[in-house]
Amino acid sequence: MQEAYIKIMDVSVIFATHNREDVLEQVFAAWKKTDRVTKYEYEIICSDDDSTDHTIQIIQSVRELPVKLLQNKKEGPGKHEMPH
């Protein structure tokens, strides 16, 4: 019988975004620097509010970081429920 393994996160970084392609490259570049020196288990959760620019593509292109993308219909902040 296999035991279930649940990865415990030390830190969850959650931010909402809408049409922010202008700053996301800088945000992820800063996190890549942090990733090289951190000792903590972490995840970055990006909650996108129906962006119409290249925000989604930029987030999806990040492979070196533990990034999760939540895509929402434009309903305003805090409307998305986390999957169980």
PDB file of N, CA and C in Angstrom:
ATOM      1  N   MET A   1       0.836  -1.178   0.000  1.00  0.00           N
ATOM      2  CA  MET A   1       0.000   0.000   0.000  1.00  0.00           C
ATOM      3  C   MET A   1       0.887   1.250   0.000  1.00  0.00           C
ATOM      4  N   GLN A   2       0.598   2.180  -0.888  1.00  0.00           N
ATOM      5  CA  GLN A   2       1.361   3.416  -0.966  1.00  0.00           C
ATOM      6  C   GLN A   2       0.776   4.446  -0.014  1.00  0.00           C
ATOM      7  N   GLU A   3       1.662   5.158   0.645  1.00  0.00           N
ATOM      8  CA  GLU A   3       1.209   6.247   1.495  1.00  0.00           C
ATOM      9  C   GLU A   3       1.085   7.509   0.663  1.00  0.00           C
ATOM     10  N   ALA A   4       0.063   8.268   0.945  1.00  0.00           N
ATOM     11  CA  ALA A   4      -0.122   9.536   0.232  1.00  0.00           C
ATOM     12  C   ALA A   4       0.920  10.534   0.719  1.00  0.00           C
ATOM     13  N   TYR A   5       1.505  11.248  -0.215  1.00  0.00           N
ATOM     14  CA  TYR A   5       2.499  12.258   0.121  1.00  0.00           C
ATOM     15  C   TYR A   5       1.918  13.623  -0.210  1.00  0.00           C
ATOM     16  N   ILE A   6       1.859  14.470   0.772  1.00  0.00           N
ATOM     17  CA  ILE A   6       1.380  15.831   0.562  1.00  0.00           C
ATOM     18  C   ILE A   6       2.550  16.767   0.779  1.00  0.00           C
ATOM     19  N   LYS A   7       2.834  17.559  -0.230  1.00  0.00           N
ATOM     20  CA  LYS A   7       3.933  18.510  -0.132  1.00  0.00           C
ATOM     21  C   LYS A   7       3.466  19.720   0.676  1.00  0.00           C
ATOM     22  N   ILE A   8       4.172  19.983   1.750  1.00  0.00           N
ATOM     23  CA  ILE A   8       3.839  21.106   2.613  1.00  0.00           C
ATOM     24  C   ILE A   8       4.580  22.345   2.119  1.00  0.00           C
ATOM     25  N   MET A   9       3.839  23.402   1.876  1.00  0.00           N
ATOM     26  CA  MET A   9       4.434  24.659   1.441  1.00  0.00           C
ATOM     27  C   MET A   9       4.747  25.512   2.656  1.00  0.00           C
ATOM     28  N   ASP A  10       5.913  26.139   2.635  1.00  0.00           N
ATOM     29  CA  ASP A  10       6.244  27.116   3.657  1.00  0.00           C
ATOM     30  C   ASP A  10       5.587  28.457   3.342  1.00  0.00           C
ATOM     31  N   VAL A  11       5.530  28.761   2.045  1.00  0.00           N
ATOM     32  CA  VAL A  11       5.016  30.063   1.610  1.00  0.00           C
ATOM     33  C   VAL A  11       4.184  29.888   0.346  1.00  0.00           C
ATOM     34  N   SER A  12       3.019  30.523   0.326  1.00  0.00           N
ATOM     35  CA  SER A  12       2.221  30.634  -0.894  1.00  0.00           C
ATOM     36  C   SER A  12       2.117  32.116  -1.221  1.00  0.00           C
ATOM     37  N   VAL A  13       2.616  32.472  -2.389  1.00  0.00           N
ATOM     38  CA  VAL A  13       2.546  33.860  -2.851  1.00  0.00           C
ATOM     39  C   VAL A  13       1.384  33.920  -3.830  1.00  0.00           C
ATOM     40  N   ILE A  14       0.413  34.748  -3.534  1.00  0.00           N
ATOM     41  CA  ILE A  14      -0.795  34.828  -4.361  1.00  0.00           C
ATOM     42  C   ILE A  14      -0.962  36.273  -4.813  1.00  0.00           C
ATOM     43  N   PHE A  15      -1.119  36.433  -6.124  1.00  0.00           N
ATOM     44  CA  PHE A  15      -1.411  37.787  -6.596  1.00  0.00           C
ATOM     45  C   PHE A  15      -2.413  37.745  -7.733  1.00  0.00           C
ATOM     46  N   ALA A  16      -3.239  38.795  -7.760  1.00  0.00           N
ATOM     47  CA  ALA A  16      -4.234  38.957  -8.820  1.00  0.00           C
ATOM     48  C   ALA A  16      -3.637  39.822  -9.913  1.00  0.00           C
ATOM     49  N   THR A  17      -4.042  39.544 -11.140  1.00  0.00           N
ATOM     50  CA  THR A  17      -3.530  40.332 -12.253  1.00  0.00           C
ATOM     51  C   THR A  17      -4.613  40.497 -13.316  1.00  0.00           C
ATOM     52  N   HIS A  18      -4.507  41.596 -14.028  1.00  0.00           N
ATOM     53  CA  HIS A  18      -5.374  41.860 -15.184  1.00  0.00           C
ATOM     54  C   HIS A  18      -4.597  42.786 -16.112  1.00  0.00           C
ATOM     55  N   ASN A  19      -4.275  42.260 -17.291  1.00  0.00           N
ATOM     56  CA  ASN A  19      -3.552  43.034 -18.311  1.00  0.00           C
ATOM     57  C   ASN A  19      -2.285  43.681 -17.747  1.00  0.00           C
ATOM     58  N   ARG A  20      -1.403  42.848 -17.189  1.00  0.00           N
ATOM     59  CA  ARG A  20      -0.168  43.369 -16.600  1.00  0.00           C
ATOM     60  C   ARG A  20       1.079  42.829 -17.285  1.00  0.00           C
ATOM     61  N   GLU A  21       0.999  42.613 -18.575  1.00  0.00           N
ATOM     62  CA  GLU A  21       2.173  42.129 -19.300  1.00  0.00           C
ATOM     63  C   GLU A  21       3.363  43.082 -19.143  1.00  0.00           C
ATOM     64  N   ASP A  22       3.072  44.337 -18.844  1.00  0.00           N
ATOM     65  CA  ASP A  22       4.135  45.344 -18.729  1.00  0.00           C
ATOM     66  C   ASP A  22       5.040  45.126 -17.516  1.00  0.00           C
ATOM     67  N   VAL A  23       4.583  44.411 -16.494  1.00  0.00           N
ATOM     68  CA  VAL A  23       5.398  44.228 -15.289  1.00  0.00           C
ATOM     69  C   VAL A  23       5.733  42.772 -14.967  1.00  0.00           C
ATOM     70  N   LEU A  24       5.058  41.827 -15.589  1.00  0.00           N
ATOM     71  CA  LEU A  24       5.251  40.420 -15.210  1.00  0.00           C
ATOM     72  C   LEU A  24       6.653  39.901 -15.451  1.00  0.00           C
ATOM     73  N   GLU A  25       7.299  40.327 -16.511  1.00  0.00           N
ATOM     74  CA  GLU A  25       8.671  39.880 -16.758  1.00  0.00           C
ATOM     75  C   GLU A  25       9.575  40.285 -15.593  1.00  0.00           C
ATOM     76  N   GLN A  26       9.400  41.493 -15.096  1.00  0.00           N
ATOM     77  CA  GLN A  26      10.199  41.975 -13.959  1.00  0.00           C
ATOM     78  C   GLN A  26       9.865  41.201 -12.688  1.00  0.00           C
ATOM     79  N   VAL A  27       8.595  40.928 -12.483  1.00  0.00           N
ATOM     80  CA  VAL A  27       8.177  40.168 -11.296  1.00  0.00           C
ATOM     81  C   VAL A  27       8.824  38.787 -11.294  1.00  0.00           C
ATOM     82  N   PHE A  28       8.741  38.085 -12.416  1.00  0.00           N
ATOM     83  CA  PHE A  28       9.304  36.737 -12.470  1.00  0.00           C
ATOM     84  C   PHE A  28      10.828  36.743 -12.465  1.00  0.00           C
ATOM     85  N   ALA A  29      11.447  37.765 -13.017  1.00  0.00           N
ATOM     86  CA  ALA A  29      12.909  37.883 -12.945  1.00  0.00           C
ATOM     87  C   ALA A  29      13.345  38.026 -11.483  1.00  0.00           C
ATOM     88  N   ALA A  30      12.611  38.808 -10.711  1.00  0.00           N
ATOM     89  CA  ALA A  30      12.929  38.964  -9.285  1.00  0.00           C
ATOM     90  C   ALA A  30      12.733  37.652  -8.544  1.00  0.00           C
ATOM     91  N   TRP A  31      11.682  36.905  -8.886  1.00  0.00           N
ATOM     92  CA  TRP A  31      11.460  35.615  -8.229  1.00  0.00           C
ATOM     93  C   TRP A  31      12.517  34.590  -8.607  1.00  0.00           C
ATOM     94  N   LYS A  32      13.040  34.663  -9.812  1.00  0.00           N
ATOM     95  CA  LYS A  32      14.118  33.746 -10.206  1.00  0.00           C
ATOM     96  C   LYS A  32      15.361  33.990  -9.361  1.00  0.00           C
ATOM     97  N   LYS A  33      15.643  35.248  -9.046  1.00  0.00           N
ATOM     98  CA  LYS A  33      16.762  35.568  -8.162  1.00  0.00           C
ATOM     99  C   LYS A  33      16.503  35.024  -6.763  1.00  0.00           C
ATOM    100  N   THR A  34      15.305  35.206  -6.286  1.00  0.00           N
ATOM    101  CA  THR A  34      14.929  34.713  -4.962  1.00  0.00           C
ATOM    102  C   THR A  34      15.010  33.187  -4.915  1.00  0.00           C
ATOM    103  N   ASP A  35      14.565  32.555  -5.977  1.00  0.00           N
ATOM    104  CA  ASP A  35      14.555  31.093  -6.037  1.00  0.00           C
ATOM    105  C   ASP A  35      15.960  30.502  -5.871  1.00  0.00           C
ATOM    106  N   ARG A  36      16.961  31.190  -6.389  1.00  0.00           N
ATOM    107  CA  ARG A  36      18.335  30.687  -6.307  1.00  0.00           C
ATOM    108  C   ARG A  36      18.884  30.654  -4.887  1.00  0.00           C
ATOM    109  N   VAL A  37      18.333  31.478  -4.007  1.00  0.00           N
ATOM    110  CA  VAL A  37      18.891  31.573  -2.650  1.00  0.00           C
ATOM    111  C   VAL A  37      17.938  31.131  -1.539  1.00  0.00           C
ATOM    112  N   THR A  38      16.699  30.854  -1.874  1.00  0.00           N
ATOM    113  CA  THR A  38      15.745  30.517  -0.815  1.00  0.00           C
ATOM    114  C   THR A  38      15.899  29.070  -0.351  1.00  0.00           C
ATOM    115  N   LYS A  39      15.569  28.850   0.898  1.00  0.00           N
ATOM    116  CA  LYS A  39      15.576  27.497   1.451  1.00  0.00           C
ATOM    117  C   LYS A  39      14.153  26.999   1.688  1.00  0.00           C
ATOM    118  N   TYR A  40      13.176  27.807   1.351  1.00  0.00           N
ATOM    119  CA  TYR A  40      11.784  27.494   1.626  1.00  0.00           C
ATOM    120  C   TYR A  40      11.092  26.837   0.439  1.00  0.00           C
ATOM    121  N   GLU A  41      10.131  25.968   0.759  1.00  0.00           N
ATOM    122  CA  GLU A  41       9.242  25.430  -0.269  1.00  0.00           C
ATOM    123  C   GLU A  41       8.175  26.494  -0.502  1.00  0.00           C
ATOM    124  N   TYR A  42       7.959  26.850  -1.749  1.00  0.00           N
ATOM    125  CA  TYR A  42       6.978  27.893  -2.024  1.00  0.00           C
ATOM    126  C   TYR A  42       6.276  27.630  -3.336  1.00  0.00           C
ATOM    127  N   GLU A  43       5.173  28.331  -3.517  1.00  0.00           N
ATOM    128  CA  GLU A  43       4.428  28.309  -4.771  1.00  0.00           C
ATOM    129  C   GLU A  43       3.990  29.729  -5.067  1.00  0.00           C
ATOM    130  N   ILE A  44       3.842  30.017  -6.343  1.00  0.00           N
ATOM    131  CA  ILE A  44       3.349  31.317  -6.782  1.00  0.00           C
ATOM    132  C   ILE A  44       2.035  31.069  -7.499  1.00  0.00           C
ATOM    133  N   ILE A  45       0.967  31.626  -6.974  1.00  0.00           N
ATOM    134  CA  ILE A  45      -0.354  31.454  -7.567  1.00  0.00           C
ATOM    135  C   ILE A  45      -0.762  32.772  -8.198  1.00  0.00           C
ATOM    136  N   CYS A  46      -0.959  32.747  -9.505  1.00  0.00           N
ATOM    137  CA  CYS A  46      -1.372  33.939 -10.249  1.00  0.00           C
ATOM    138  C   CYS A  46      -2.853  33.793 -10.575  1.00  0.00           C
ATOM    139  N   SER A  47      -3.649  34.682 -10.085  1.00  0.00           N
ATOM    140  CA  SER A  47      -5.078  34.680 -10.351  1.00  0.00           C
ATOM    141  C   SER A  47      -5.362  35.763 -11.380  1.00  0.00           C
ATOM    142  N   ASP A  48      -5.618  35.345 -12.605  1.00  0.00           N
ATOM    143  CA  ASP A  48      -5.816  36.306 -13.685  1.00  0.00           C
ATOM    144  C   ASP A  48      -7.294  36.588 -13.887  1.00  0.00           C
ATOM    145  N   ASP A  49      -7.613  37.865 -13.993  1.00  0.00           N
ATOM    146  CA  ASP A  49      -8.995  38.321 -14.128  1.00  0.00           C
ATOM    147  C   ASP A  49      -9.319  38.637 -15.582  1.00  0.00           C
ATOM    148  N   ASP A  50      -9.231  37.604 -16.431  1.00  0.00           N
ATOM    149  CA  ASP A  50      -9.656  37.692 -17.835  1.00  0.00           C
ATOM    150  C   ASP A  50      -8.849  38.705 -18.652  1.00  0.00           C
ATOM    151  N   SER A  51      -7.530  38.624 -18.549  1.00  0.00           N
ATOM    152  CA  SER A  51      -6.660  39.535 -19.300  1.00  0.00           C
ATOM    153  C   SER A  51      -6.853  39.387 -20.803  1.00  0.00           C
ATOM    154  N   THR A  52      -6.692  40.499 -21.508  1.00  0.00           N
ATOM    155  CA  THR A  52      -6.820  40.489 -22.964  1.00  0.00           C
ATOM    156  C   THR A  52      -5.491  40.782 -23.653  1.00  0.00           C
ATOM    157  N   ASP A  53      -4.432  40.997 -22.879  1.00  0.00           N
ATOM    158  CA  ASP A  53      -3.109  41.206 -23.458  1.00  0.00           C
ATOM    159  C   ASP A  53      -2.336  39.878 -23.394  1.00  0.00           C
ATOM    160  N   HIS A  54      -1.025  39.900 -23.245  1.00  0.00           N
ATOM    161  CA  HIS A  54      -0.219  38.679 -23.223  1.00  0.00           C
ATOM    162  C   HIS A  54       0.087  38.178 -21.809  1.00  0.00           C
ATOM    163  N   THR A  55      -0.676  38.646 -20.836  1.00  0.00           N
ATOM    164  CA  THR A  55      -0.456  38.240 -19.446  1.00  0.00           C
ATOM    165  C   THR A  55      -0.480  36.720 -19.284  1.00  0.00           C
ATOM    166  N   ILE A  56      -1.486  36.069 -19.817  1.00  0.00           N
ATOM    167  CA  ILE A  56      -1.628  34.609 -19.681  1.00  0.00           C
ATOM    168  C   ILE A  56      -0.435  33.891 -20.301  1.00  0.00           C
ATOM    169  N   GLN A  57      -0.036  34.296 -21.487  1.00  0.00           N
ATOM    170  CA  GLN A  57       1.089  33.653 -22.168  1.00  0.00           C
ATOM    171  C   GLN A  57       2.382  33.805 -21.376  1.00  0.00           C
ATOM    172  N   ILE A  58       2.581  34.968 -20.785  1.00  0.00           N
ATOM    173  CA  ILE A  58       3.794  35.190 -19.989  1.00  0.00           C
ATOM    174  C   ILE A  58       3.802  34.270 -18.782  1.00  0.00           C
ATOM    175  N   ILE A  59       2.690  34.198 -18.072  1.00  0.00           N
ATOM    176  CA  ILE A  59       2.602  33.323 -16.898  1.00  0.00           C
ATOM    177  C   ILE A  59       2.811  31.867 -17.296  1.00  0.00           C
ATOM    178  N   GLN A  60       2.182  31.439 -18.374  1.00  0.00           N
ATOM    179  CA  GLN A  60       2.308  30.050 -18.818  1.00  0.00           C
ATOM    180  C   GLN A  60       3.718  29.712 -19.301  1.00  0.00           C
ATOM    181  N   SER A  61       4.474  30.702 -19.700  1.00  0.00           N
ATOM    182  CA  SER A  61       5.817  30.434 -20.221  1.00  0.00           C
ATOM    183  C   SER A  61       6.858  30.237 -19.116  1.00  0.00           C
ATOM    184  N   VAL A  62       6.499  30.551 -17.886  1.00  0.00           N
ATOM    185  CA  VAL A  62       7.445  30.420 -16.777  1.00  0.00           C
ATOM    186  C   VAL A  62       7.574  28.946 -16.415  1.00  0.00           C
ATOM    187  N   ARG A  63       8.765  28.395 -16.644  1.00  0.00           N
ATOM    188  CA  ARG A  63       9.002  26.971 -16.385  1.00  0.00           C
ATOM    189  C   ARG A  63       9.926  26.746 -15.190  1.00  0.00           C
ATOM    190  N   GLU A  64      10.716  27.742 -14.831  1.00  0.00           N
ATOM    191  CA  GLU A  64      11.744  27.569 -13.800  1.00  0.00           C
ATOM    192  C   GLU A  64      11.214  27.786 -12.388  1.00  0.00           C
ATOM    193  N   LEU A  65       9.982  28.221 -12.266  1.00  0.00           N
ATOM    194  CA  LEU A  65       9.410  28.537 -10.961  1.00  0.00           C
ATOM    195  C   LEU A  65       8.137  27.733 -10.730  1.00  0.00           C
ATOM    196  N   PRO A  66       7.775  27.516  -9.461  1.00  0.00           N
ATOM    197  CA  PRO A  66       6.546  26.774  -9.158  1.00  0.00           C
ATOM    198  C   PRO A  66       5.313  27.678  -9.274  1.00  0.00           C
ATOM    199  N   VAL A  67       4.909  27.954 -10.509  1.00  0.00           N
ATOM    200  CA  VAL A  67       3.812  28.885 -10.784  1.00  0.00           C
ATOM    201  C   VAL A  67       2.549  28.113 -11.132  1.00  0.00           C
ATOM    202  N   LYS A  68       1.455  28.538 -10.526  1.00  0.00           N
ATOM    203  CA  LYS A  68       0.130  28.004 -10.846  1.00  0.00           C
ATOM    204  C   LYS A  68      -0.716  29.164 -11.352  1.00  0.00           C
ATOM    205  N   LEU A  69      -1.504  28.896 -12.374  1.00  0.00           N
ATOM    206  CA  LEU A  69      -2.342  29.931 -12.967  1.00  0.00           C
ATOM    207  C   LEU A  69      -3.812  29.594 -12.753  1.00  0.00           C
ATOM    208  N   LEU A  70      -4.534  30.551 -12.222  1.00  0.00           N
ATOM    209  CA  LEU A  70      -5.986  30.455 -12.116  1.00  0.00           C
ATOM    210  C   LEU A  70      -6.562  31.487 -13.075  1.00  0.00           C
ATOM    211  N   GLN A  71      -7.402  31.039 -14.006  1.00  0.00           N
ATOM    212  CA  GLN A  71      -8.000  31.959 -14.971  1.00  0.00           C
ATOM    213  C   GLN A  71      -9.459  32.179 -14.603  1.00  0.00           C
ATOM    214  N   ASN A  72      -9.824  33.431 -14.432  1.00  0.00           N
ATOM    215  CA  ASN A  72     -11.162  33.795 -13.993  1.00  0.00           C
ATOM    216  C   ASN A  72     -11.865  34.646 -15.038  1.00  0.00           C
ATOM    217  N   LYS A  73     -13.168  34.595 -15.012  1.00  0.00           N
ATOM    218  CA  LYS A  73     -13.938  35.566 -15.774  1.00  0.00           C
ATOM    219  C   LYS A  73     -13.832  36.890 -15.023  1.00  0.00           C
ATOM    220  N   LYS A  74     -13.915  37.981 -15.731  1.00  0.00           N
ATOM    221  CA  LYS A  74     -13.766  39.293 -15.089  1.00  0.00           C
ATOM    222  C   LYS A  74     -14.960  39.563 -14.181  1.00  0.00           C
ATOM    223  N   GLU A  75     -14.749  39.285 -12.896  1.00  0.00           N
ATOM    224  CA  GLU A  75     -15.794  39.500 -11.900  1.00  0.00           C
ATOM    225  C   GLU A  75     -15.293  40.336 -10.736  1.00  0.00           C
ATOM    226  N   GLY A  76     -14.041  40.793 -10.797  1.00  0.00           N
ATOM    227  CA  GLY A  76     -13.488  41.579  -9.706  1.00  0.00           C
ATOM    228  C   GLY A  76     -12.649  40.729  -8.775  1.00  0.00           C
ATOM    229  N   PRO A  77     -11.941  41.345  -7.840  1.00  0.00           N
ATOM    230  CA  PRO A  77     -11.035  40.626  -6.952  1.00  0.00           C
ATOM    231  C   PRO A  77     -11.765  39.697  -5.989  1.00  0.00           C
ATOM    232  N   GLY A  78     -11.130  38.563  -5.717  1.00  0.00           N
ATOM    233  CA  GLY A  78     -11.621  37.657  -4.691  1.00  0.00           C
ATOM    234  C   GLY A  78     -12.792  36.781  -5.067  1.00  0.00           C
ATOM    235  N   LYS A  79     -13.133  36.673  -6.319  1.00  0.00           N
ATOM    236  CA  LYS A  79     -14.295  35.881  -6.713  1.00  0.00           C
ATOM    237  C   LYS A  79     -13.964  34.426  -7.010  1.00  0.00           C
ATOM    238  N   HIS A  80     -12.694  34.113  -7.241  1.00  0.00           N
ATOM    239  CA  HIS A  80     -12.322  32.757  -7.631  1.00  0.00           C
ATOM    240  C   HIS A  80     -12.180  31.863  -6.412  1.00  0.00           C
ATOM    241  N   GLU A  81     -12.706  30.646  -6.508  1.00  0.00           N
ATOM    242  CA  GLU A  81     -12.535  29.676  -5.444  1.00  0.00           C
ATOM    243  C   GLU A  81     -11.415  28.724  -5.819  1.00  0.00           C
ATOM    244  N   MET A  82     -10.570  28.417  -4.842  1.00  0.00           N
ATOM    245  CA  MET A  82      -9.459  27.489  -5.063  1.00  0.00           C
ATOM    246  C   MET A  82     -10.028  26.085  -5.242  1.00  0.00           C
ATOM    247  N   PRO A  83      -9.452  25.307  -6.190  1.00  0.00           N
ATOM    248  CA  PRO A  83      -9.887  23.922  -6.342  1.00  0.00           C
ATOM    249  C   PRO A  83      -9.477  23.098  -5.125  1.00  0.00           C
ATOM    250  N   HIS A  84     -10.249  22.088  -4.802  1.00  0.00           N
ATOM    251  CA  HIS A  84      -9.953  21.250  -3.636  1.00  0.00           C
ATOM    252  C   HIS A  84      -9.061  20.122  -4.011  1.00  0.00           C
TER     253      HIS A  84
END
